[in-house]
Each structure stands twice: as structure tokens, then as C-alpha cells.
């Protein structure tokens, strides 16, 4: 009976993050104190790192906490960081603090965005300011501000250049 080779998800994730950060195995080795050979073995699937070793590599690669959970799961460990929605009961104190902070920014606009550029909270000055550029009331909640700041929606792009004659 043939045994199919196991996919090395952990190694693939580490290689991906090294590529994103533009770091070599040697760079990670110097930053973590782990030998380059050990890092190579981890990436090739020949070795499974301990949790502290994996967290040291993740720290050296500046991997976000949410993504570190994926590394831990790929290595066979339980997730270390909770992933809680910003408006859940556990985050009420944080939500109240954010609401108070943006209210204190009056008369200046202040907004709270998530990592996908969706506007989660805004003070009263934000619509007055942003309505000069877009109609915030026409957008669904949560408001995605990504298209607002892209060059594709700029009116100057659609204008035809004038020729000198």
C-alpha cells in the first residue's frame, strides 16, 4: 500500500512569510539563535519545532498574532491567541474606550477601521469631512473606505488631458 507524502503546511507558511518579509533563512537564524539548518529542516518538514521555537521564528518574521495561530495549528499545537469580534461582549470595554476616544477628537474627524479598511466607528465630524468626497450615508455598514481612497475613483483620472496646439 502506497503512503502519500504529507503536505508540509507549516513549512509552506514559513516560506511564504519569509518571502513576504524578504528574509532569508540565515537572517532568521541570526535573529532567533536557531541554526539555519534547523530552520531548513522545519521548512522541509523534516523537523517539527517546539512551541517556543516556533513563536521565536514568528516574532522574527513579525507575523501578526492572528496568523501565528495558523502556524501553531499547522505544527500541531493549540492556538495561543483569541480571535474575538470587536463588537462581542468580551470587547465591550474596548469598544467603549474607542467610542470615548473618537468622541474626544471633536471637532476633528476620527474613524476606527478594521484590518480590511472597513469603517467600524466614526465621530460626528467624520461624515461632515468625508461627505466632501463621498456620500457616507449611501454606503452600507460597515463602510468600506478602500474604494474611497483608490485612484480608480478619482475624477481627474477620467478627465481627458488637454493638448497644446
N, C-alpha and C. Protein backbone atom coordinates (compact mmCIF):
# COMPACT_ATOMS: atom_id res chain seq x y z
N UNK A 1 0.85 -1.18 0.00
CA UNK A 1 0.00 0.00 0.00
C UNK A 1 0.89 1.24 0.00
N UNK A 2 0.61 2.16 -0.91
CA UNK A 2 1.40 3.39 -1.01
C UNK A 2 1.01 4.37 0.08
N UNK A 3 2.02 5.01 0.60
CA UNK A 3 1.76 6.10 1.53
C UNK A 3 2.00 7.39 0.78
N UNK A 4 1.00 8.24 0.75
CA UNK A 4 1.14 9.54 0.10
C UNK A 4 1.92 10.47 1.01
N UNK A 5 2.83 11.26 0.47
CA UNK A 5 3.57 12.18 1.32
C UNK A 5 2.65 13.24 1.91
N UNK A 6 2.86 13.53 3.20
CA UNK A 6 2.06 14.55 3.87
C UNK A 6 2.47 15.93 3.38
N UNK A 7 1.50 16.76 3.20
CA UNK A 7 1.77 18.13 2.79
C UNK A 7 2.36 18.86 3.98
N UNK A 8 3.42 19.61 3.74
CA UNK A 8 4.10 20.33 4.80
C UNK A 8 3.52 21.74 4.90
N UNK A 9 2.39 21.86 5.56
CA UNK A 9 1.70 23.15 5.67
C UNK A 9 2.52 24.15 6.47
N UNK A 10 3.15 23.70 7.55
CA UNK A 10 3.96 24.60 8.37
C UNK A 10 5.12 25.17 7.56
N UNK A 11 5.83 24.31 6.86
CA UNK A 11 6.95 24.77 6.04
C UNK A 11 6.52 25.75 4.97
N UNK A 12 5.37 25.45 4.34
CA UNK A 12 4.85 26.35 3.30
C UNK A 12 4.51 27.72 3.88
N UNK A 13 3.90 27.73 5.07
CA UNK A 13 3.56 29.00 5.70
C UNK A 13 4.81 29.80 6.05
N UNK A 14 5.81 29.12 6.61
CA UNK A 14 7.05 29.83 6.96
C UNK A 14 7.76 30.37 5.73
N UNK A 15 7.79 29.59 4.66
CA UNK A 15 8.41 30.07 3.42
C UNK A 15 7.65 31.28 2.88
N UNK A 16 6.35 31.21 2.95
CA UNK A 16 5.53 32.32 2.47
C UNK A 16 5.83 33.59 3.26
N UNK A 17 5.88 33.48 4.58
CA UNK A 17 6.14 34.66 5.41
C UNK A 17 7.56 35.18 5.22
N UNK A 18 8.51 34.28 5.02
CA UNK A 18 9.88 34.73 4.73
C UNK A 18 9.91 35.52 3.43
N UNK A 19 9.16 35.03 2.43
CA UNK A 19 9.09 35.72 1.15
C UNK A 19 8.44 37.09 1.28
N UNK A 20 7.36 37.14 2.05
CA UNK A 20 6.65 38.42 2.26
C UNK A 20 7.56 39.43 2.94
N UNK A 21 8.32 38.97 3.89
CA UNK A 21 9.19 39.87 4.64
C UNK A 21 10.55 40.08 3.98
N UNK A 22 10.84 39.29 2.94
CA UNK A 22 12.11 39.43 2.24
C UNK A 22 13.29 39.00 3.10
N UNK A 23 13.10 37.94 3.87
CA UNK A 23 14.13 37.47 4.78
C UNK A 23 14.63 36.10 4.34
N UNK A 24 15.91 35.85 4.56
CA UNK A 24 16.48 34.55 4.25
C UNK A 24 16.48 33.69 5.51
N UNK A 25 16.78 32.40 5.33
CA UNK A 25 16.90 31.52 6.49
C UNK A 25 18.03 31.99 7.39
N UNK A 26 19.09 32.50 6.79
CA UNK A 26 20.22 33.00 7.58
C UNK A 26 19.81 34.21 8.43
N UNK A 27 19.02 35.11 7.87
CA UNK A 27 18.53 36.27 8.62
C UNK A 27 17.73 35.82 9.84
N UNK A 28 16.85 34.86 9.63
CA UNK A 28 16.01 34.35 10.73
C UNK A 28 16.88 33.64 11.75
N UNK A 29 17.88 32.92 11.28
CA UNK A 29 18.80 32.22 12.18
C UNK A 29 19.52 33.20 13.09
N UNK A 30 20.01 34.28 12.52
CA UNK A 30 20.73 35.28 13.32
C UNK A 30 19.80 35.93 14.34
N UNK A 31 18.55 36.24 13.92
CA UNK A 31 17.61 36.91 14.82
C UNK A 31 17.10 36.01 15.94
N UNK A 32 17.00 34.71 15.69
CA UNK A 32 16.40 33.82 16.68
C UNK A 32 17.40 33.00 17.48
N UNK A 33 18.61 32.84 16.97
CA UNK A 33 19.58 31.99 17.63
C UNK A 33 19.39 30.52 17.30
N UNK A 34 18.53 30.23 16.33
CA UNK A 34 18.30 28.87 15.85
C UNK A 34 19.19 28.68 14.63
N UNK A 35 19.77 27.50 14.50
CA UNK A 35 20.66 27.28 13.36
C UNK A 35 19.89 27.33 12.04
N UNK A 36 20.59 27.73 11.00
CA UNK A 36 19.99 27.78 9.67
C UNK A 36 19.56 26.38 9.24
N UNK A 37 20.32 25.40 9.63
CA UNK A 37 19.99 24.01 9.30
C UNK A 37 18.66 23.60 9.94
N UNK A 38 18.46 23.99 11.19
CA UNK A 38 17.20 23.66 11.87
C UNK A 38 16.02 24.35 11.19
N UNK A 39 16.19 25.59 10.77
CA UNK A 39 15.13 26.31 10.07
C UNK A 39 14.83 25.62 8.74
N UNK A 40 15.87 25.18 8.06
CA UNK A 40 15.68 24.45 6.81
C UNK A 40 14.92 23.15 7.04
N UNK A 41 15.26 22.43 8.11
CA UNK A 41 14.58 21.19 8.44
C UNK A 41 13.10 21.45 8.75
N UNK A 42 12.80 22.54 9.45
CA UNK A 42 11.42 22.88 9.78
C UNK A 42 10.64 23.16 8.49
N UNK A 43 11.25 23.95 7.60
CA UNK A 43 10.57 24.31 6.36
C UNK A 43 10.38 23.12 5.43
N UNK A 44 11.30 22.17 5.47
CA UNK A 44 11.18 21.00 4.59
C UNK A 44 10.30 19.91 5.20
N UNK A 45 9.93 20.05 6.46
CA UNK A 45 9.09 19.06 7.11
C UNK A 45 9.86 17.95 7.80
N UNK A 46 11.17 18.05 7.82
CA UNK A 46 11.99 17.01 8.47
C UNK A 46 12.01 17.17 9.98
N UNK A 47 11.56 18.33 10.48
CA UNK A 47 11.57 18.60 11.91
C UNK A 47 10.34 19.41 12.28
N UNK A 48 9.79 19.14 13.45
CA UNK A 48 8.68 19.94 13.98
C UNK A 48 9.23 20.73 15.17
N UNK A 49 9.13 22.05 15.11
CA UNK A 49 9.71 22.87 16.17
C UNK A 49 8.87 22.82 17.45
N UNK A 50 9.51 23.14 18.56
CA UNK A 50 8.76 23.30 19.80
C UNK A 50 7.96 24.59 19.71
N UNK A 51 6.99 24.74 20.59
CA UNK A 51 6.17 25.95 20.58
C UNK A 51 7.02 27.21 20.77
N UNK A 52 7.94 27.25 21.75
CA UNK A 52 8.77 28.47 21.90
C UNK A 52 9.64 28.75 20.67
N UNK A 53 10.16 27.71 20.04
CA UNK A 53 10.96 27.90 18.83
C UNK A 53 10.11 28.49 17.71
N UNK A 54 8.91 27.96 17.54
CA UNK A 54 8.01 28.45 16.51
C UNK A 54 7.62 29.91 16.78
N UNK A 55 7.36 30.24 18.04
CA UNK A 55 7.00 31.62 18.38
C UNK A 55 8.18 32.57 18.18
N UNK A 56 9.40 32.08 18.40
CA UNK A 56 10.59 32.89 18.14
C UNK A 56 10.75 33.20 16.66
N UNK A 57 10.49 32.21 15.83
CA UNK A 57 10.54 32.42 14.38
C UNK A 57 9.44 33.39 13.95
N UNK A 58 8.24 33.20 14.50
CA UNK A 58 7.12 34.09 14.16
C UNK A 58 7.43 35.53 14.58
N UNK A 59 8.07 35.70 15.73
CA UNK A 59 8.44 37.03 16.20
C UNK A 59 9.48 37.65 15.27
N UNK A 60 10.45 36.87 14.86
CA UNK A 60 11.49 37.37 13.96
C UNK A 60 10.92 37.77 12.61
N UNK A 61 9.87 37.06 12.16
CA UNK A 61 9.24 37.38 10.89
C UNK A 61 8.14 38.44 11.03
N UNK A 62 7.89 38.88 12.26
CA UNK A 62 6.86 39.89 12.54
C UNK A 62 5.50 39.45 12.00
N UNK A 63 5.16 38.20 12.26
CA UNK A 63 3.88 37.65 11.80
C UNK A 63 2.79 38.14 12.74
N UNK A 64 1.66 38.63 12.19
CA UNK A 64 0.56 39.09 13.04
C UNK A 64 0.04 37.96 13.94
N UNK A 65 -0.51 38.34 15.08
CA UNK A 65 -0.95 37.34 16.06
C UNK A 65 -1.98 36.38 15.47
N UNK A 66 -2.92 36.88 14.69
CA UNK A 66 -3.93 36.03 14.08
C UNK A 66 -3.29 34.96 13.21
N UNK A 67 -2.26 35.32 12.50
CA UNK A 67 -1.59 34.38 11.60
C UNK A 67 -0.69 33.42 12.37
N UNK A 68 -0.26 33.81 13.56
CA UNK A 68 0.55 32.89 14.38
C UNK A 68 -0.27 31.68 14.80
N UNK A 69 -1.58 31.90 15.00
CA UNK A 69 -2.45 30.76 15.31
C UNK A 69 -2.42 29.73 14.19
N UNK A 70 -2.40 30.19 12.94
CA UNK A 70 -2.33 29.27 11.80
C UNK A 70 -1.03 28.47 11.83
N UNK A 71 0.08 29.13 12.19
CA UNK A 71 1.35 28.42 12.31
C UNK A 71 1.28 27.36 13.41
N UNK A 72 0.72 27.73 14.54
CA UNK A 72 0.61 26.79 15.66
C UNK A 72 -0.25 25.58 15.26
N UNK A 73 -1.37 25.83 14.60
CA UNK A 73 -2.23 24.72 14.17
C UNK A 73 -1.52 23.83 13.16
N UNK A 74 -0.77 24.43 12.26
CA UNK A 74 -0.04 23.64 11.25
C UNK A 74 1.03 22.77 11.90
N UNK A 75 1.58 23.23 13.03
CA UNK A 75 2.60 22.46 13.73
C UNK A 75 1.99 21.45 14.71
N UNK A 76 0.67 21.49 14.86
CA UNK A 76 0.00 20.54 15.75
C UNK A 76 -0.23 21.06 17.15
N UNK A 77 -0.09 22.36 17.35
CA UNK A 77 -0.31 22.96 18.67
C UNK A 77 -1.65 23.68 18.69
N UNK A 78 -2.16 23.89 19.90
CA UNK A 78 -3.41 24.64 20.05
C UNK A 78 -3.15 26.12 19.81
N UNK A 79 -4.15 26.85 19.31
CA UNK A 79 -3.98 28.29 19.10
C UNK A 79 -3.70 29.00 20.43
N UNK A 80 -2.90 30.04 20.36
CA UNK A 80 -2.48 30.77 21.55
C UNK A 80 -3.23 32.08 21.70
N UNK A 81 -3.67 32.66 20.60
CA UNK A 81 -4.28 33.99 20.61
C UNK A 81 -5.76 33.88 20.27
N UNK A 82 -6.59 34.59 21.04
CA UNK A 82 -8.03 34.54 20.79
C UNK A 82 -8.37 35.44 19.60
N UNK A 83 -9.44 35.09 18.93
CA UNK A 83 -9.91 35.85 17.78
C UNK A 83 -11.35 36.25 18.07
N UNK A 84 -11.52 37.41 18.67
CA UNK A 84 -12.82 37.86 19.13
C UNK A 84 -13.30 39.02 18.26
N UNK A 85 -14.58 39.00 17.90
CA UNK A 85 -15.15 40.10 17.13
C UNK A 85 -15.12 41.37 17.96
N UNK A 86 -14.92 42.50 17.30
CA UNK A 86 -14.76 43.76 18.03
C UNK A 86 -16.02 44.17 18.77
N UNK A 87 -17.20 43.74 18.34
CA UNK A 87 -18.44 44.13 18.99
C UNK A 87 -19.03 43.04 19.88
N UNK A 88 -18.23 42.06 20.28
CA UNK A 88 -18.70 40.99 21.16
C UNK A 88 -18.74 41.48 22.60
N UNK A 89 -19.36 40.69 23.47
CA UNK A 89 -19.47 41.05 24.88
C UNK A 89 -18.10 41.18 25.55
N UNK A 90 -17.16 40.33 25.13
CA UNK A 90 -15.81 40.36 25.72
C UNK A 90 -15.07 41.65 25.39
N UNK A 91 -15.46 42.32 24.30
CA UNK A 91 -14.75 43.51 23.84
C UNK A 91 -15.51 44.81 24.16
N UNK A 92 -16.55 44.73 25.00
CA UNK A 92 -17.34 45.93 25.31
C UNK A 92 -16.50 47.04 25.91
N UNK A 93 -15.58 46.71 26.80
CA UNK A 93 -14.75 47.75 27.41
C UNK A 93 -13.85 48.42 26.37
N UNK A 94 -13.35 47.64 25.42
CA UNK A 94 -12.52 48.19 24.35
C UNK A 94 -13.37 49.08 23.45
N UNK A 95 -14.58 48.61 23.11
CA UNK A 95 -15.48 49.39 22.25
C UNK A 95 -15.84 50.72 22.91
N UNK A 96 -16.11 50.68 24.21
CA UNK A 96 -16.44 51.92 24.92
C UNK A 96 -15.25 52.88 24.94
N UNK A 97 -14.07 52.33 25.13
CA UNK A 97 -12.87 53.17 25.13
C UNK A 97 -12.66 53.81 23.77
N UNK A 98 -12.86 53.04 22.70
CA UNK A 98 -12.71 53.58 21.35
C UNK A 98 -13.76 54.65 21.07
N UNK A 99 -15.00 54.41 21.49
CA UNK A 99 -16.06 55.41 21.31
C UNK A 99 -15.73 56.69 22.04
N UNK A 100 -15.20 56.57 23.24
CA UNK A 100 -14.82 57.76 24.02
C UNK A 100 -13.66 58.50 23.33
N UNK A 101 -12.69 57.77 22.83
CA UNK A 101 -11.54 58.40 22.18
C UNK A 101 -11.96 59.18 20.94
N UNK A 102 -12.81 58.57 20.11
CA UNK A 102 -13.18 59.30 18.89
C UNK A 102 -14.11 60.46 19.19
N UNK A 103 -14.90 60.35 20.27
CA UNK A 103 -15.76 61.48 20.66
C UNK A 103 -14.90 62.65 21.14
N UNK A 104 -13.79 62.36 21.79
CA UNK A 104 -12.90 63.41 22.31
C UNK A 104 -12.13 64.11 21.20
N UNK A 105 -12.12 63.56 20.00
CA UNK A 105 -11.43 64.19 18.89
C UNK A 105 -12.25 65.31 18.24
N UNK A 106 -13.52 65.45 18.64
CA UNK A 106 -14.35 66.53 18.10
C UNK A 106 -13.64 67.86 18.30
N UNK A 107 -13.65 68.75 17.41
CA UNK A 107 -14.39 68.87 16.16
C UNK A 107 -13.65 68.26 14.97
N UNK A 108 -12.62 67.48 15.22
CA UNK A 108 -11.84 66.86 14.14
C UNK A 108 -12.39 65.48 13.85
N UNK A 109 -12.35 65.06 12.57
CA UNK A 109 -12.88 63.73 12.23
C UNK A 109 -11.99 62.62 12.78
N UNK A 110 -12.63 61.56 13.22
CA UNK A 110 -11.91 60.38 13.71
C UNK A 110 -12.72 59.14 13.32
N UNK A 111 -12.01 58.14 12.87
CA UNK A 111 -12.67 56.88 12.49
C UNK A 111 -11.86 55.70 13.04
N UNK A 112 -12.53 54.59 13.24
CA UNK A 112 -11.90 53.34 13.64
C UNK A 112 -12.14 52.36 12.51
N UNK A 113 -11.05 51.78 12.01
CA UNK A 113 -11.15 50.82 10.90
C UNK A 113 -10.63 49.46 11.32
N UNK A 114 -11.12 48.45 10.64
CA UNK A 114 -10.57 47.12 10.84
C UNK A 114 -9.42 46.90 9.86
N UNK A 115 -8.87 45.70 9.86
CA UNK A 115 -7.71 45.44 9.01
C UNK A 115 -8.05 45.37 7.52
N UNK A 116 -9.36 45.35 7.20
CA UNK A 116 -9.78 45.35 5.81
C UNK A 116 -10.23 46.74 5.35
N UNK A 117 -9.94 47.76 6.11
CA UNK A 117 -10.27 49.15 5.81
C UNK A 117 -11.76 49.42 5.88
N UNK A 118 -12.50 48.63 6.64
CA UNK A 118 -13.91 48.90 6.87
C UNK A 118 -14.03 49.85 8.04
N UNK A 119 -14.85 50.89 7.90
CA UNK A 119 -15.05 51.85 8.99
C UNK A 119 -16.01 51.22 9.98
N UNK A 120 -15.53 51.02 11.21
CA UNK A 120 -16.35 50.41 12.26
C UNK A 120 -17.05 51.46 13.10
N UNK A 121 -16.35 52.53 13.42
CA UNK A 121 -16.88 53.63 14.23
C UNK A 121 -16.43 54.95 13.62
N UNK A 122 -17.25 55.98 13.82
CA UNK A 122 -16.87 57.32 13.37
C UNK A 122 -17.50 58.33 14.30
N UNK A 123 -16.80 59.44 14.54
CA UNK A 123 -17.40 60.50 15.35
C UNK A 123 -18.28 61.38 14.47
N UNK A 124 -18.93 62.39 15.06
CA UNK A 124 -19.86 63.23 14.32
C UNK A 124 -19.18 64.08 13.25
N UNK A 125 -17.91 64.39 13.43
CA UNK A 125 -17.20 65.22 12.47
C UNK A 125 -16.78 64.44 11.23
N UNK A 126 -16.66 63.13 11.33
CA UNK A 126 -16.19 62.33 10.20
C UNK A 126 -17.12 62.43 8.98
N UNK A 127 -18.44 62.27 9.13
CA UNK A 127 -19.30 62.41 7.94
C UNK A 127 -19.25 63.81 7.34
N UNK A 128 -19.15 64.83 8.18
CA UNK A 128 -19.07 66.20 7.65
C UNK A 128 -17.83 66.35 6.79
N UNK A 129 -16.73 65.76 7.21
CA UNK A 129 -15.49 65.85 6.46
C UNK A 129 -15.51 64.97 5.21
N UNK A 130 -15.83 63.69 5.40
CA UNK A 130 -15.76 62.74 4.30
C UNK A 130 -16.87 62.95 3.27
N UNK A 131 -18.00 63.56 3.64
CA UNK A 131 -19.06 63.82 2.67
C UNK A 131 -18.63 64.83 1.62
N UNK A 132 -17.54 65.54 1.87
CA UNK A 132 -16.99 66.42 0.83
C UNK A 132 -16.45 65.60 -0.33
N UNK A 133 -16.11 64.33 -0.08
CA UNK A 133 -15.50 63.47 -1.09
C UNK A 133 -16.44 62.35 -1.55
N UNK A 134 -17.17 61.76 -0.61
CA UNK A 134 -18.08 60.65 -0.90
C UNK A 134 -19.34 60.82 -0.07
N UNK A 135 -20.39 60.12 -0.42
CA UNK A 135 -21.62 60.14 0.36
C UNK A 135 -21.57 58.95 1.32
N UNK A 136 -21.17 59.21 2.56
CA UNK A 136 -21.02 58.12 3.53
C UNK A 136 -22.36 57.50 3.89
N UNK A 137 -23.46 58.26 3.84
CA UNK A 137 -24.76 57.71 4.21
C UNK A 137 -25.25 56.70 3.16
N UNK A 138 -24.75 56.78 1.93
CA UNK A 138 -25.17 55.86 0.87
C UNK A 138 -24.46 54.52 0.96
N UNK A 139 -23.42 54.43 1.76
CA UNK A 139 -22.66 53.20 1.88
C UNK A 139 -23.26 52.32 2.97
N UNK A 140 -23.19 51.01 2.75
CA UNK A 140 -23.69 50.08 3.75
C UNK A 140 -22.76 50.04 4.95
N UNK A 141 -23.25 49.61 6.07
CA UNK A 141 -22.43 49.49 7.27
C UNK A 141 -21.93 48.06 7.36
N UNK A 142 -20.72 47.75 7.74
CA UNK A 142 -19.64 48.70 7.94
C UNK A 142 -19.19 49.30 6.62
N UNK A 143 -18.82 50.54 6.66
CA UNK A 143 -18.42 51.27 5.46
C UNK A 143 -17.04 50.82 5.03
N UNK A 144 -16.92 50.45 3.80
CA UNK A 144 -15.61 50.11 3.26
C UNK A 144 -15.01 51.36 2.66
N UNK A 145 -13.88 51.78 3.20
CA UNK A 145 -13.26 53.01 2.71
C UNK A 145 -12.18 52.73 1.69
N UNK A 146 -11.91 51.45 1.41
CA UNK A 146 -10.88 51.11 0.43
C UNK A 146 -11.11 51.78 -0.91
N UNK A 147 -12.32 51.64 -1.51
CA UNK A 147 -12.55 52.30 -2.79
C UNK A 147 -12.51 53.82 -2.71
N UNK A 148 -12.76 54.37 -1.54
CA UNK A 148 -12.76 55.82 -1.38
C UNK A 148 -11.38 56.41 -1.62
N UNK A 149 -10.37 55.65 -1.26
CA UNK A 149 -9.01 56.17 -1.33
C UNK A 149 -8.26 55.67 -2.55
N UNK A 150 -8.91 54.85 -3.37
CA UNK A 150 -8.20 54.32 -4.52
C UNK A 150 -8.17 55.35 -5.64
N UNK A 151 -7.21 55.22 -6.49
CA UNK A 151 -7.05 56.16 -7.59
C UNK A 151 -8.10 55.95 -8.66
N UNK A 152 -8.67 54.75 -8.70
CA UNK A 152 -9.63 54.43 -9.75
C UNK A 152 -10.89 55.29 -9.65
N UNK A 153 -11.24 55.77 -8.47
CA UNK A 153 -12.45 56.57 -8.30
C UNK A 153 -12.17 58.06 -8.41
N UNK A 154 -10.96 58.41 -8.71
CA UNK A 154 -10.59 59.81 -8.80
C UNK A 154 -11.17 60.44 -10.06
N UNK A 155 -11.85 61.61 -9.94
CA UNK A 155 -12.41 62.22 -11.13
C UNK A 155 -11.34 62.69 -12.10
N UNK A 156 -10.15 63.01 -11.62
CA UNK A 156 -9.10 63.50 -12.50
C UNK A 156 -8.61 62.42 -13.46
N UNK A 157 -8.80 61.17 -13.10
CA UNK A 157 -8.36 60.08 -13.97
C UNK A 157 -9.24 59.97 -15.21
N UNK A 158 -10.53 60.28 -15.03
CA UNK A 158 -11.47 60.17 -16.14
C UNK A 158 -11.37 61.36 -17.09
N UNK A 159 -10.85 62.48 -16.61
CA UNK A 159 -10.76 63.67 -17.44
C UNK A 159 -9.72 63.45 -18.53
N UNK A 160 -10.01 63.95 -19.72
CA UNK A 160 -9.09 63.80 -20.84
C UNK A 160 -8.05 64.91 -20.78
N UNK A 161 -6.81 64.57 -21.02
CA UNK A 161 -5.78 65.60 -20.97
C UNK A 161 -5.93 66.57 -22.14
N UNK A 162 -5.66 67.82 -21.87
CA UNK A 162 -5.75 68.81 -22.93
C UNK A 162 -4.44 68.83 -23.71
N UNK A 163 -4.55 69.06 -25.01
CA UNK A 163 -3.37 69.10 -25.86
C UNK A 163 -3.02 70.54 -26.16
N UNK A 164 -1.76 70.77 -26.19
CA UNK A 164 -1.29 72.10 -26.61
C UNK A 164 -1.19 72.11 -28.13
N UNK A 165 -1.70 73.13 -28.74
CA UNK A 165 -1.62 73.20 -30.20
C UNK A 165 -0.84 74.40 -30.63
